[in-house]
């Protein structure tokens, strides 16, 4: 593997993203793992282009993030997006993998933890994804917990998602997020979403009903200062697009039984459960996943646009006040 001879490891911003940030335009970060590892080819490229188009249709600029040849890129050109979608050698990179990937000249698609870190490092404030990682079932035995949680506990970015994957221990994950000081807003709901399902059955403490309300919470959070931590905007999948709850519960229960019977433990549990959901729902779980991602990207773009409008209004008011004093 070739080493990166460039001693600068700062993220490389695309010209479009750089101009948008300089001009105060809305920018939404997008992860690349769903492109490289979450979908079959060639559908993955079509979905990647579609998600970027959703951001653009709301007046924003998409910033898909990936590492290519040892350089972290925030915003991809067309050929770079095609490479991430089409190259089977592209690795899967979490936050902990970024340093060796950059130093050793590797290429990889970024997970939630790596995307959130690089987005915040580049000055982006909003990030849309499908679902977060969390505390795994039978944590007391496996101590298995997603790196997403600790990273979000020290990264000041707003993440729009459909909750955490329903195959995880959702109550334990919510407790962990509370312990870590990560804020959660239910968007138009009093319950935490269940990724494939509109509700996990777990309540949330705070509910917002518009992008403007989210922006006000973000502004208050930033004004208060204190420890850096993410704000999660939990956005349920549209009811007509959710996985049938009865089918979901039956398949998941049977898949968990199969795990125990086959002795599948630790890191092998999650891919097994996801594969079972995909196969035994005949792809319906994937379609629910994609519907959630589309909705989250759409909402994140609206929130970013509302934040840009609020910032522009504040700047205009400050300029008017300064002119009045003169």
Protein backbone atom coordinates (compact mmCIF):
# COMPACT_ATOMS: atom_id res chain seq x y z
CA UNK A 1 0.00 0.00 0.00
CA UNK A 2 1.56 3.37 -0.98
CA UNK A 3 2.21 5.85 1.77
CA UNK A 4 0.82 9.35 1.65
CA UNK A 5 3.80 11.64 1.08
CA UNK A 6 1.65 14.75 1.60
CA UNK A 7 2.28 15.88 5.17
CA UNK A 8 -1.05 17.76 5.33
CA UNK A 9 -3.89 15.61 6.62
CA UNK A 10 -6.53 18.31 6.62
CA UNK A 11 -9.77 17.43 4.80
CA UNK A 12 -9.88 18.51 1.15
CA UNK A 13 -13.04 20.51 0.45
CA UNK A 14 -14.49 20.40 -3.03
CA UNK A 15 -14.70 23.75 -4.79
CA UNK A 16 -18.49 23.68 -4.46
CA UNK A 17 -18.43 23.01 -0.71
CA UNK A 18 -15.70 25.58 -0.12
CA UNK A 19 -17.69 28.24 -1.98
CA UNK A 20 -20.89 27.34 -0.15
CA UNK A 21 -19.26 27.66 3.26
CA UNK A 22 -17.66 30.97 2.31
CA UNK A 23 -21.00 32.27 1.04
CA UNK A 24 -23.09 31.10 3.97
CA UNK A 25 -25.06 28.62 1.87
CA UNK A 26 -26.59 25.48 3.43
CA UNK A 27 -24.35 22.41 3.33
CA UNK A 28 -25.30 18.86 4.34
CA UNK A 29 -22.73 16.14 5.04
CA UNK A 30 -23.49 12.65 3.70
CA UNK A 31 -21.73 9.40 4.57
CA UNK A 32 -20.28 7.14 1.89
CA UNK A 33 -20.51 3.72 3.53
CA UNK A 34 -24.07 3.28 2.30
CA UNK A 35 -22.72 3.79 -1.23
CA UNK A 36 -19.74 1.45 -1.01
CA UNK A 37 -21.04 -1.25 1.33
CA UNK A 38 -24.74 -0.79 1.95
CA UNK A 39 -26.27 -1.28 -1.48
CA UNK A 40 -25.76 -3.54 -4.52
CA UNK A 41 -24.12 -2.18 -7.65
CA UNK A 42 -25.15 -0.31 -9.78
CA UNK A 43 -28.07 0.83 -7.63
CA UNK A 44 -25.66 2.29 -5.09
CA UNK A 45 -24.45 4.97 -7.52
CA UNK A 46 -28.01 5.87 -8.50
CA UNK A 47 -28.94 6.29 -4.83
CA UNK A 48 -25.83 8.39 -4.15
CA UNK A 49 -26.73 10.75 -6.99
CA UNK A 50 -30.35 10.82 -5.83
CA UNK A 51 -29.40 11.77 -2.26
CA UNK A 52 -27.16 14.58 -3.47
CA UNK A 53 -30.02 15.73 -5.71
CA UNK A 54 -32.38 15.90 -2.73
CA UNK A 55 -30.02 18.34 -1.03
CA UNK A 56 -29.70 20.43 -4.18
CA UNK A 57 -33.46 20.56 -4.69
CA UNK A 58 -33.77 22.21 -1.28
CA UNK A 59 -31.23 24.86 -2.25
CA UNK A 60 -28.32 23.23 -0.44
CA UNK A 61 -24.94 21.79 -1.30
CA UNK A 62 -24.26 18.09 -0.64
CA UNK A 63 -20.93 17.11 0.89
CA UNK A 64 -20.47 13.37 0.50
CA UNK A 65 -17.39 12.37 2.50
CA UNK A 66 -14.82 9.69 1.73
CA UNK A 67 -11.08 9.00 1.90
CA UNK A 68 -9.33 8.57 -1.45
CA UNK A 69 -5.64 7.69 -1.77
CA UNK A 70 -4.89 8.91 1.73
CA UNK A 71 -6.78 12.20 1.51
CA UNK A 72 -10.06 12.91 3.26
CA UNK A 73 -12.52 14.56 0.86
CA UNK A 74 -15.51 16.63 1.94
CA UNK A 75 -17.62 16.86 -1.20
CA UNK A 76 -16.94 14.50 -4.10
CA UNK A 77 -16.66 15.18 -7.80
CA UNK A 78 -18.60 12.92 -10.18
CA UNK A 79 -15.65 10.65 -10.93
CA UNK A 80 -14.85 10.33 -7.23
CA UNK A 81 -18.42 9.36 -6.42
CA UNK A 82 -18.31 6.78 -9.20
CA UNK A 83 -15.08 5.40 -7.79
CA UNK A 84 -16.52 4.98 -4.29
CA UNK A 85 -19.56 3.24 -5.76
CA UNK A 86 -17.70 1.01 -8.18
CA UNK A 87 -14.35 0.04 -6.65
CA UNK A 88 -14.64 -3.18 -4.58
CA UNK A 89 -11.30 -2.39 -2.91
CA UNK A 90 -12.73 0.67 -1.11
CA UNK A 91 -12.53 -0.07 2.59
CA UNK A 92 -14.96 0.72 5.39
CA UNK A 93 -13.54 3.41 7.68
CA UNK A 94 -14.65 4.33 11.17
CA UNK A 95 -13.14 7.23 13.10
CA UNK A 96 -10.34 5.07 14.51
CA UNK A 97 -9.33 4.03 10.98
CA UNK A 98 -8.79 7.55 9.66
CA UNK A 99 -5.19 8.04 10.82
CA UNK A 100 -3.81 4.81 9.31
CA UNK A 101 -5.87 5.30 6.16
CA UNK A 102 -4.47 8.80 5.64
CA UNK A 103 -0.90 7.85 6.53
CA UNK A 104 -0.85 4.71 4.38
CA UNK A 105 -2.60 6.15 1.33
CA UNK A 106 -5.71 3.99 1.60
CA UNK A 107 -9.16 4.62 0.14
CA UNK A 108 -12.30 4.06 2.11
CA UNK A 109 -15.94 4.93 2.63
CA UNK A 110 -16.73 6.67 5.91
CA UNK A 111 -19.14 5.37 8.55
CA UNK A 112 -21.19 7.60 10.86
CA UNK A 113 -18.31 8.17 13.28
CA UNK A 114 -15.76 9.04 10.58
CA UNK A 115 -18.21 11.18 8.61
CA UNK A 116 -19.32 13.16 11.66
CA UNK A 117 -15.71 13.77 12.68
CA UNK A 118 -14.54 14.93 9.25
CA UNK A 119 -17.66 17.03 8.67
CA UNK A 120 -17.22 18.88 11.94
CA UNK A 121 -13.49 19.27 11.27
CA UNK A 122 -14.36 20.94 7.94
CA UNK A 123 -16.81 23.34 9.58
CA UNK A 124 -20.05 21.62 8.56
CA UNK A 125 -22.91 21.75 11.05
CA UNK A 126 -25.46 19.28 9.64
CA UNK A 127 -25.16 15.61 8.74
CA UNK A 128 -27.81 13.21 7.42
CA UNK A 129 -27.61 9.45 7.70
CA UNK A 130 -29.91 6.43 7.95
CA UNK A 131 -29.50 5.09 11.46
CA UNK A 132 -26.86 5.26 14.16
CA UNK A 133 -24.96 2.43 15.78
CA UNK A 134 -25.60 1.80 19.44
CA UNK A 135 -25.42 -0.65 22.33
CA UNK A 136 -25.70 -4.23 21.15
CA UNK A 137 -27.99 -6.82 22.65
CA UNK A 138 -26.45 -8.87 25.47
CA UNK A 139 -23.98 -6.04 26.08
CA UNK A 140 -23.26 -7.33 29.59
CA UNK A 141 -21.59 -10.38 28.02
CA UNK A 142 -20.07 -8.91 24.86
CA UNK A 143 -19.32 -5.28 25.89
CA UNK A 144 -20.16 -4.51 22.25
CA UNK A 145 -21.00 -0.87 21.65
CA UNK A 146 -20.76 1.19 18.47
CA UNK A 147 -17.97 3.73 18.20
CA UNK A 148 -20.64 6.17 16.99
CA UNK A 149 -21.75 6.91 20.54
CA UNK A 150 -18.47 8.11 22.02
CA UNK A 151 -17.58 10.05 18.88
CA UNK A 152 -20.93 11.87 18.94
CA UNK A 153 -20.35 12.65 22.61
CA UNK A 154 -17.40 14.86 21.67
CA UNK A 155 -18.37 16.19 18.24
CA UNK A 156 -20.58 19.26 17.98
CA UNK A 157 -22.66 18.43 14.92
CA UNK A 158 -26.40 18.02 14.30
CA UNK A 159 -27.23 14.55 13.00
CA UNK A 160 -30.56 13.78 11.33
CA UNK A 161 -31.28 10.05 11.51
CA UNK A 162 -34.07 7.50 11.90
CA UNK A 163 -32.88 6.43 15.33
CA UNK A 164 -30.65 3.40 15.79
CA UNK A 165 -30.93 0.04 14.09
CA UNK A 166 -33.80 -1.94 15.62
CA UNK A 167 -31.59 -5.02 15.97
CA UNK A 168 -29.75 -3.19 18.78
CA UNK A 169 -30.68 -2.68 22.42
CA UNK A 170 -32.58 0.57 21.94
CA UNK A 171 -33.36 1.33 25.63
CA UNK A 172 -29.71 0.74 26.57
CA UNK A 173 -28.56 2.93 23.67
CA UNK A 174 -30.80 5.80 24.79
CA UNK A 175 -29.48 5.45 28.34
CA UNK A 176 -25.91 5.55 27.02
CA UNK A 177 -26.62 8.66 24.96
CA UNK A 178 -28.05 10.36 28.04
CA UNK A 179 -24.96 9.44 30.05
CA UNK A 180 -22.72 10.83 27.31
CA UNK A 181 -24.67 14.10 27.14
CA UNK A 182 -25.89 13.69 23.56
CA UNK A 183 -29.14 15.60 23.04
CA UNK A 184 -32.11 14.03 21.25
CA UNK A 185 -35.03 15.76 19.56
CA UNK A 186 -37.95 13.79 18.20
CA UNK A 187 -39.01 15.39 14.93
CA UNK A 188 -42.79 15.45 14.98
CA UNK A 189 -42.86 12.49 17.36
CA UNK A 190 -42.82 11.75 21.06
CA UNK A 191 -41.11 8.41 20.52
CA UNK A 192 -37.65 7.47 19.38
CA UNK A 193 -37.82 6.02 15.84
CA UNK A 194 -37.00 2.37 15.26
CA UNK A 195 -35.06 2.78 12.00
CA UNK A 196 -37.16 0.39 9.88
CA UNK A 197 -40.15 1.32 12.05
CA UNK A 198 -41.67 4.68 12.90
CA UNK A 199 -41.39 3.97 16.62
CA UNK A 200 -39.16 1.89 18.85
CA UNK A 201 -41.70 2.28 21.65
CA UNK A 202 -39.22 4.36 23.66
CA UNK A 203 -40.19 7.94 24.53
CA UNK A 204 -38.11 11.05 23.86
CA UNK A 205 -38.03 14.02 26.22
CA UNK A 206 -38.22 16.75 23.58
CA UNK A 207 -40.22 17.12 20.38
CA UNK A 208 -39.83 19.72 17.64
CA UNK A 209 -42.12 20.34 14.69
CA UNK A 210 -40.19 22.47 12.20
CA UNK A 211 -36.67 23.07 10.88
CA UNK A 212 -36.80 26.51 12.50
CA UNK A 213 -37.34 24.95 15.93
CA UNK A 214 -34.35 22.68 15.38
CA UNK A 215 -32.24 25.71 14.45
CA UNK A 216 -33.30 27.51 17.62
CA UNK A 217 -32.20 24.52 19.69
CA UNK A 218 -28.87 24.46 17.86
CA UNK A 219 -28.40 28.18 18.46
CA UNK A 220 -29.20 27.82 22.16
CA UNK A 221 -26.82 24.88 22.46
CA UNK A 222 -24.00 26.79 20.79
CA UNK A 223 -24.66 29.89 22.90
CA UNK A 224 -24.52 27.90 26.12
CA UNK A 225 -21.11 26.50 25.27
CA UNK A 226 -19.77 23.72 27.45
CA UNK A 227 -18.62 20.26 26.34
CA UNK A 228 -18.87 19.48 22.65
CA UNK A 229 -21.58 16.90 21.89
CA UNK A 230 -23.82 16.13 18.98
CA UNK A 231 -27.51 16.89 18.71
CA UNK A 232 -29.59 14.05 17.28
CA UNK A 233 -32.73 14.91 15.33
CA UNK A 234 -34.66 11.63 15.34
CA UNK A 235 -36.84 11.60 12.23
CA UNK A 236 -39.26 8.66 11.78
CA UNK A 237 -39.54 6.87 8.46
CA UNK A 238 -42.84 7.78 6.72
CA UNK A 239 -45.63 5.49 7.88
CA UNK A 240 -46.36 4.20 4.38
CA UNK A 241 -42.70 3.24 3.94
CA UNK A 242 -41.98 1.54 7.25
CA UNK A 243 -41.42 -2.19 7.46
CA UNK A 244 -44.54 -4.04 8.58
CA UNK A 245 -44.14 -4.06 12.40
CA UNK A 246 -45.51 -7.58 12.86
CA UNK A 247 -43.22 -8.95 10.14
CA UNK A 248 -40.25 -7.07 11.62
CA UNK A 249 -40.83 -8.40 15.14
CA UNK A 250 -41.36 -11.99 13.98
CA UNK A 251 -38.29 -12.10 11.74
CA UNK A 252 -36.08 -10.42 14.34
CA UNK A 253 -37.20 -12.78 17.12
CA UNK A 254 -36.58 -15.84 14.94
CA UNK A 255 -33.19 -14.48 13.83
CA UNK A 256 -32.15 -13.92 17.45
CA UNK A 257 -33.16 -17.50 18.26
CA UNK A 258 -31.06 -18.67 15.31
CA UNK A 259 -28.07 -16.70 16.66
CA UNK A 260 -28.31 -18.51 19.97
CA UNK A 261 -28.75 -21.92 18.34
CA UNK A 262 -25.76 -21.42 16.03
CA UNK A 263 -23.54 -19.84 18.68
CA UNK A 264 -23.18 -16.58 16.77
CA UNK A 265 -21.83 -13.92 19.14
CA UNK A 266 -19.97 -10.62 19.22
CA UNK A 267 -19.34 -8.83 15.94
CA UNK A 268 -20.97 -11.64 13.97
CA UNK A 269 -24.44 -10.90 15.36
CA UNK A 270 -25.20 -7.63 13.55
CA UNK A 271 -24.39 -8.74 9.98
CA UNK A 272 -26.30 -11.99 10.58
CA UNK A 273 -29.41 -10.19 11.81
CA UNK A 274 -29.30 -7.63 8.99
CA UNK A 275 -28.91 -10.41 6.42
CA UNK A 276 -31.84 -12.30 7.92
CA UNK A 277 -34.03 -9.20 7.83
CA UNK A 278 -33.11 -8.59 4.21
CA UNK A 279 -33.70 -12.15 3.07
CA UNK A 280 -36.80 -12.94 5.08
CA UNK A 281 -38.58 -9.69 4.31
CA UNK A 282 -37.71 -10.15 0.61
CA UNK A 283 -35.85 -6.84 0.48
CA UNK A 284 -38.53 -4.81 2.26
CA UNK A 285 -36.08 -3.92 5.04
CA UNK A 286 -33.73 -2.36 2.48
CA UNK A 287 -36.54 -0.31 0.96
CA UNK A 288 -37.55 0.94 4.42
CA UNK A 289 -33.91 1.83 5.07
CA UNK A 290 -33.71 3.83 1.84
CA UNK A 291 -37.00 5.59 2.56
CA UNK A 292 -35.61 6.62 5.95
CA UNK A 293 -32.38 7.90 4.41
CA UNK A 294 -34.24 9.95 1.81
CA UNK A 295 -36.45 11.52 4.48
CA UNK A 296 -33.46 12.30 6.68
CA UNK A 297 -31.51 13.94 3.86
CA UNK A 298 -34.56 15.99 2.91
CA UNK A 299 -35.06 17.16 6.50
CA UNK A 300 -31.36 17.91 7.03
CA UNK A 301 -31.38 20.08 3.89
CA UNK A 302 -34.40 22.00 5.20
CA UNK A 303 -32.71 22.50 8.58
CA UNK A 304 -29.48 23.66 6.95
CA UNK A 305 -31.46 26.09 4.79
CA UNK A 306 -33.29 27.45 7.84
CA UNK A 307 -29.98 27.91 9.66
CA UNK A 308 -28.50 29.77 6.68
CA UNK A 309 -31.56 32.03 6.48
CA UNK A 310 -31.38 32.77 10.22
CA UNK A 311 -27.68 33.60 9.97
CA UNK A 312 -28.29 35.90 7.00
CA UNK A 313 -31.12 37.68 8.83
CA UNK A 314 -28.94 38.14 11.91
CA UNK A 315 -26.11 39.55 9.81
CA UNK A 316 -28.49 41.97 8.06
CA UNK A 317 -29.91 43.14 11.40
CA UNK A 318 -26.41 43.68 12.79
CA UNK A 319 -25.42 45.67 9.71
CA UNK A 320 -28.55 47.81 9.98
CA UNK A 321 -27.88 48.46 13.65
CA UNK A 322 -24.28 49.43 12.93
CA UNK A 323 -25.42 51.79 10.13
CA UNK A 324 -27.94 53.42 12.47
CA UNK A 325 -25.21 54.13 15.03
CA UNK A 326 -23.05 55.79 12.40
